[in-house]
Amino acid sequence: MLLTPGFLQIFCGYVETYALLLPGILLYAMSGYGAIERRWPLWISAGAFGGLAALHLSSINLAPSLGVLAIVYCDAEGAEGKRLARTLLSLGTAPLVFLALLL
């Protein structure tokens, strides 16, 4: 029911992404919770954020939550030198997904 209005507008020639935005935010929240509990890697949350930002630029307001998630994730990581590098590489997924979807 949430996806139908967005796809109808795509069919009619107007790309409207509000129908995908709310399920995307739910996916981002679920992946963030999974990353905090160490069930999912951080790059999944960063990729979900990059996809959300490409869908609608107002979702860039969620960027501070990705920063907090990265800090919490980095604190729970293993070795000192590797955890910062792994966290920064994971955060690099967000701009890659953003640019890929916009292109």
N, C-alpha and C. Protein backbone atom coordinates (compact mmCIF):
# COMPACT_ATOMS: atom_id res chain seq x y z
N MET A 1 0.82 -1.19 0.00
CA MET A 1 0.00 0.00 0.00
C MET A 1 0.87 1.27 0.00
N LEU A 2 2.02 1.21 0.67
CA LEU A 2 2.90 2.38 0.69
C LEU A 2 3.64 2.56 -0.63
N LEU A 3 3.94 1.46 -1.32
CA LEU A 3 4.75 1.55 -2.53
C LEU A 3 3.94 1.95 -3.76
N THR A 4 2.65 1.68 -3.79
CA THR A 4 1.82 1.90 -4.98
C THR A 4 1.82 3.34 -5.48
N PRO A 5 1.62 4.37 -4.65
CA PRO A 5 1.57 5.73 -5.20
C PRO A 5 2.87 6.15 -5.87
N GLY A 6 4.01 5.75 -5.33
CA GLY A 6 5.28 6.12 -5.93
C GLY A 6 5.47 5.49 -7.29
N PHE A 7 5.13 4.21 -7.43
CA PHE A 7 5.30 3.53 -8.71
C PHE A 7 4.30 4.01 -9.74
N LEU A 8 3.13 4.41 -9.32
CA LEU A 8 2.14 4.97 -10.25
C LEU A 8 2.66 6.28 -10.83
N GLN A 9 3.30 7.10 -10.01
CA GLN A 9 3.83 8.37 -10.50
C GLN A 9 5.05 8.15 -11.39
N ILE A 10 5.84 7.12 -11.13
CA ILE A 10 6.95 6.81 -12.02
C ILE A 10 6.41 6.41 -13.39
N PHE A 11 5.33 5.62 -13.41
CA PHE A 11 4.72 5.19 -14.66
C PHE A 11 4.19 6.38 -15.45
N CYS A 12 3.68 7.37 -14.75
CA CYS A 12 3.12 8.55 -15.42
C CYS A 12 4.19 9.58 -15.80
N GLY A 13 5.43 9.34 -15.49
CA GLY A 13 6.50 10.21 -15.92
C GLY A 13 7.07 11.12 -14.84
N TYR A 14 6.51 11.12 -13.67
CA TYR A 14 7.01 11.96 -12.58
C TYR A 14 7.61 11.05 -11.53
N VAL A 15 8.87 11.22 -11.26
CA VAL A 15 9.54 10.35 -10.29
C VAL A 15 9.32 10.92 -8.89
N GLU A 16 8.56 10.21 -8.11
CA GLU A 16 8.28 10.61 -6.73
C GLU A 16 8.75 9.48 -5.83
N THR A 17 9.57 9.80 -4.86
CA THR A 17 10.20 8.76 -4.06
C THR A 17 9.70 8.72 -2.62
N TYR A 18 8.64 9.42 -2.31
CA TYR A 18 8.13 9.39 -0.94
C TYR A 18 7.68 8.00 -0.53
N ALA A 19 7.16 7.24 -1.47
CA ALA A 19 6.68 5.90 -1.13
C ALA A 19 7.83 4.99 -0.73
N LEU A 20 9.01 5.21 -1.25
CA LEU A 20 10.16 4.39 -0.89
C LEU A 20 10.93 4.95 0.30
N LEU A 21 10.68 6.21 0.63
CA LEU A 21 11.44 6.87 1.68
C LEU A 21 11.14 6.29 3.06
N LEU A 22 9.90 6.11 3.40
CA LEU A 22 9.55 5.61 4.74
C LEU A 22 10.00 4.17 4.96
N PRO A 23 9.80 3.24 4.02
CA PRO A 23 10.38 1.91 4.23
C PRO A 23 11.91 1.93 4.27
N GLY A 24 12.53 2.86 3.54
CA GLY A 24 13.98 3.00 3.57
C GLY A 24 14.48 3.46 4.92
N ILE A 25 13.75 4.39 5.55
CA ILE A 25 14.13 4.84 6.89
C ILE A 25 13.99 3.69 7.89
N LEU A 26 12.97 2.87 7.72
CA LEU A 26 12.81 1.71 8.58
C LEU A 26 13.96 0.72 8.39
N LEU A 27 14.37 0.50 7.15
CA LEU A 27 15.51 -0.38 6.88
C LEU A 27 16.78 0.19 7.49
N TYR A 28 16.98 1.50 7.38
CA TYR A 28 18.16 2.13 7.97
C TYR A 28 18.16 1.97 9.49
N ALA A 29 17.00 2.17 10.12
CA ALA A 29 16.92 2.02 11.57
C ALA A 29 17.18 0.58 12.00
N MET A 30 16.62 -0.37 11.26
CA MET A 30 16.83 -1.78 11.61
C MET A 30 18.29 -2.19 11.41
N SER A 31 18.93 -1.69 10.35
CA SER A 31 20.33 -2.03 10.13
C SER A 31 21.23 -1.37 11.18
N GLY A 32 20.86 -0.17 11.60
CA GLY A 32 21.61 0.48 12.67
C GLY A 32 21.52 -0.28 13.98
N TYR A 33 20.33 -0.75 14.29
CA TYR A 33 20.16 -1.55 15.50
C TYR A 33 20.94 -2.85 15.40
N GLY A 34 20.94 -3.46 14.22
CA GLY A 34 21.71 -4.68 14.02
C GLY A 34 23.21 -4.43 14.13
N ALA A 35 23.67 -3.26 13.69
CA ALA A 35 25.09 -2.93 13.81
C ALA A 35 25.48 -2.69 15.26
N ILE A 36 24.60 -2.06 16.03
CA ILE A 36 24.90 -1.84 17.44
C ILE A 36 25.00 -3.16 18.18
N GLU A 37 24.12 -4.11 17.84
CA GLU A 37 24.16 -5.42 18.48
C GLU A 37 25.20 -6.36 17.87
N ARG A 38 25.95 -5.86 16.88
CA ARG A 38 27.03 -6.59 16.23
C ARG A 38 26.53 -7.78 15.42
N ARG A 39 25.28 -7.72 14.95
CA ARG A 39 24.75 -8.76 14.08
C ARG A 39 25.01 -8.43 12.62
N TRP A 40 25.07 -7.15 12.26
CA TRP A 40 25.29 -6.69 10.89
C TRP A 40 26.50 -5.76 10.87
N PRO A 41 27.23 -5.76 9.76
CA PRO A 41 28.36 -4.82 9.66
C PRO A 41 27.86 -3.39 9.44
N LEU A 42 28.72 -2.45 9.75
CA LEU A 42 28.36 -1.03 9.65
C LEU A 42 28.12 -0.59 8.21
N TRP A 43 28.77 -1.23 7.24
CA TRP A 43 28.63 -0.79 5.86
C TRP A 43 27.20 -0.97 5.34
N ILE A 44 26.44 -1.87 5.92
CA ILE A 44 25.04 -2.02 5.51
C ILE A 44 24.24 -0.78 5.90
N SER A 45 24.46 -0.29 7.11
CA SER A 45 23.78 0.93 7.55
C SER A 45 24.23 2.14 6.73
N ALA A 46 25.52 2.22 6.44
CA ALA A 46 26.02 3.33 5.64
C ALA A 46 25.46 3.28 4.22
N GLY A 47 25.34 2.09 3.66
CA GLY A 47 24.75 1.95 2.33
C GLY A 47 23.27 2.31 2.32
N ALA A 48 22.55 1.93 3.38
CA ALA A 48 21.14 2.30 3.48
C ALA A 48 21.00 3.82 3.59
N PHE A 49 21.89 4.45 4.33
CA PHE A 49 21.85 5.92 4.43
C PHE A 49 22.15 6.57 3.08
N GLY A 50 23.13 6.05 2.35
CA GLY A 50 23.44 6.59 1.02
C GLY A 50 22.26 6.46 0.07
N GLY A 51 21.56 5.34 0.15
CA GLY A 51 20.36 5.16 -0.67
C GLY A 51 19.26 6.13 -0.29
N LEU A 52 19.08 6.34 1.00
CA LEU A 52 18.06 7.30 1.45
C LEU A 52 18.38 8.71 0.99
N ALA A 53 19.63 9.09 1.09
CA ALA A 53 20.02 10.44 0.68
C ALA A 53 19.81 10.65 -0.81
N ALA A 54 20.00 9.59 -1.60
CA ALA A 54 19.77 9.71 -3.03
C ALA A 54 18.28 9.76 -3.36
N LEU A 55 17.46 9.09 -2.55
CA LEU A 55 16.02 9.12 -2.79
C LEU A 55 15.43 10.51 -2.55
N HIS A 56 15.83 11.11 -1.47
CA HIS A 56 15.31 12.43 -1.13
C HIS A 56 16.36 13.15 -0.29
N LEU A 57 16.75 14.33 -0.72
CA LEU A 57 17.86 15.02 -0.06
C LEU A 57 17.53 15.45 1.37
N SER A 58 16.26 15.50 1.72
CA SER A 58 15.92 15.86 3.10
C SER A 58 16.35 14.78 4.09
N SER A 59 16.58 13.58 3.61
CA SER A 59 17.02 12.52 4.52
C SER A 59 18.49 12.67 4.92
N ILE A 60 19.17 13.67 4.38
CA ILE A 60 20.54 13.95 4.83
C ILE A 60 20.51 14.40 6.29
N ASN A 61 19.34 14.78 6.78
CA ASN A 61 19.20 15.13 8.20
C ASN A 61 19.51 13.94 9.11
N LEU A 62 19.56 12.75 8.56
CA LEU A 62 19.89 11.56 9.36
C LEU A 62 21.39 11.35 9.49
N ALA A 63 22.20 12.20 8.88
CA ALA A 63 23.66 12.05 8.91
C ALA A 63 24.23 12.03 10.33
N PRO A 64 23.74 12.87 11.26
CA PRO A 64 24.28 12.76 12.62
C PRO A 64 24.05 11.39 13.26
N SER A 65 22.94 10.75 12.92
CA SER A 65 22.70 9.43 13.49
C SER A 65 23.70 8.41 12.96
N LEU A 66 24.13 8.57 11.71
CA LEU A 66 25.16 7.68 11.17
C LEU A 66 26.50 7.93 11.87
N GLY A 67 26.78 9.17 12.20
CA GLY A 67 28.00 9.49 12.94
C GLY A 67 28.00 8.87 14.33
N VAL A 68 26.88 8.99 15.02
CA VAL A 68 26.77 8.38 16.36
C VAL A 68 26.87 6.86 16.26
N LEU A 69 26.24 6.30 15.24
CA LEU A 69 26.32 4.85 15.03
C LEU A 69 27.76 4.42 14.78
N ALA A 70 28.51 5.20 14.02
CA ALA A 70 29.91 4.87 13.75
C ALA A 70 30.74 4.94 15.02
N ILE A 71 30.47 5.92 15.88
CA ILE A 71 31.22 6.03 17.15
C ILE A 71 30.93 4.84 18.05
N VAL A 72 29.67 4.46 18.16
CA VAL A 72 29.30 3.31 18.99
C VAL A 72 29.90 2.03 18.42
N TYR A 73 29.83 1.90 17.10
CA TYR A 73 30.38 0.72 16.44
C TYR A 73 31.90 0.64 16.60
N CYS A 74 32.57 1.76 16.49
CA CYS A 74 34.03 1.80 16.60
C CYS A 74 34.48 1.47 18.02
N ASP A 75 33.73 1.90 19.02
CA ASP A 75 34.10 1.60 20.40
C ASP A 75 34.00 0.12 20.71
N ALA A 76 33.11 -0.57 20.02
CA ALA A 76 32.92 -1.99 20.29
C ALA A 76 33.83 -2.88 19.44
N GLU A 77 34.57 -2.30 18.51
CA GLU A 77 35.47 -3.06 17.62
C GLU A 77 36.65 -3.60 18.40
N GLY A 78 37.45 -4.42 17.73
CA GLY A 78 38.57 -5.10 18.38
C GLY A 78 39.82 -4.25 18.53
N ALA A 79 40.85 -4.51 17.74
CA ALA A 79 42.16 -3.88 17.88
C ALA A 79 42.09 -2.38 17.61
N GLU A 80 42.92 -1.63 18.30
CA GLU A 80 42.89 -0.16 18.26
C GLU A 80 43.10 0.41 16.86
N GLY A 81 44.14 -0.01 16.16
CA GLY A 81 44.46 0.55 14.85
C GLY A 81 43.49 0.13 13.76
N LYS A 82 43.04 -1.10 13.84
CA LYS A 82 42.16 -1.62 12.80
C LYS A 82 40.74 -1.09 12.91
N ARG A 83 40.28 -0.79 14.11
CA ARG A 83 38.88 -0.41 14.26
C ARG A 83 38.57 0.93 13.63
N LEU A 84 39.46 1.89 13.73
CA LEU A 84 39.21 3.19 13.11
C LEU A 84 39.23 3.06 11.59
N ALA A 85 40.18 2.33 11.05
CA ALA A 85 40.26 2.14 9.60
C ALA A 85 39.04 1.39 9.08
N ARG A 86 38.61 0.36 9.78
CA ARG A 86 37.45 -0.42 9.36
C ARG A 86 36.18 0.42 9.42
N THR A 87 36.06 1.25 10.44
CA THR A 87 34.88 2.10 10.56
C THR A 87 34.86 3.15 9.45
N LEU A 88 36.00 3.76 9.17
CA LEU A 88 36.04 4.78 8.11
C LEU A 88 35.78 4.17 6.74
N LEU A 89 36.30 2.98 6.49
CA LEU A 89 36.02 2.31 5.23
C LEU A 89 34.54 1.96 5.11
N SER A 90 33.94 1.57 6.20
CA SER A 90 32.50 1.26 6.19
C SER A 90 31.68 2.51 5.91
N LEU A 91 32.08 3.63 6.48
CA LEU A 91 31.36 4.88 6.23
C LEU A 91 31.50 5.35 4.79
N GLY A 92 32.57 4.92 4.12
CA GLY A 92 32.75 5.28 2.72
C GLY A 92 31.72 4.66 1.80
N THR A 93 30.98 3.69 2.29
CA THR A 93 29.92 3.08 1.49
C THR A 93 28.79 4.07 1.20
N ALA A 94 28.52 4.97 2.12
CA ALA A 94 27.41 5.91 1.96
C ALA A 94 27.58 6.81 0.73
N PRO A 95 28.71 7.50 0.56
CA PRO A 95 28.83 8.33 -0.65
C PRO A 95 28.90 7.52 -1.94
N LEU A 96 29.43 6.29 -1.87
CA LEU A 96 29.47 5.46 -3.07
C LEU A 96 28.07 5.07 -3.54
N VAL A 97 27.23 4.66 -2.61
CA VAL A 97 25.85 4.29 -2.96
C VAL A 97 25.09 5.53 -3.42
N PHE A 98 25.30 6.66 -2.74
CA PHE A 98 24.65 7.92 -3.11
C PHE A 98 24.98 8.29 -4.56
N LEU A 99 26.26 8.29 -4.89
CA LEU A 99 26.68 8.67 -6.25
C LEU A 99 26.22 7.66 -7.29
N ALA A 100 26.27 6.38 -6.96
CA ALA A 100 25.83 5.36 -7.90
C ALA A 100 24.35 5.50 -8.23
N LEU A 101 23.54 5.78 -7.24
CA LEU A 101 22.10 5.94 -7.49
C LEU A 101 21.80 7.22 -8.24
N LEU A 102 22.53 8.28 -7.96
CA LEU A 102 22.28 9.53 -8.68
C LEU A 102 22.73 9.45 -10.14
N LEU A 103 23.81 8.69 -10.39
CA LEU A 103 24.27 8.54 -11.77
C LEU A 103 23.33 7.65 -12.55
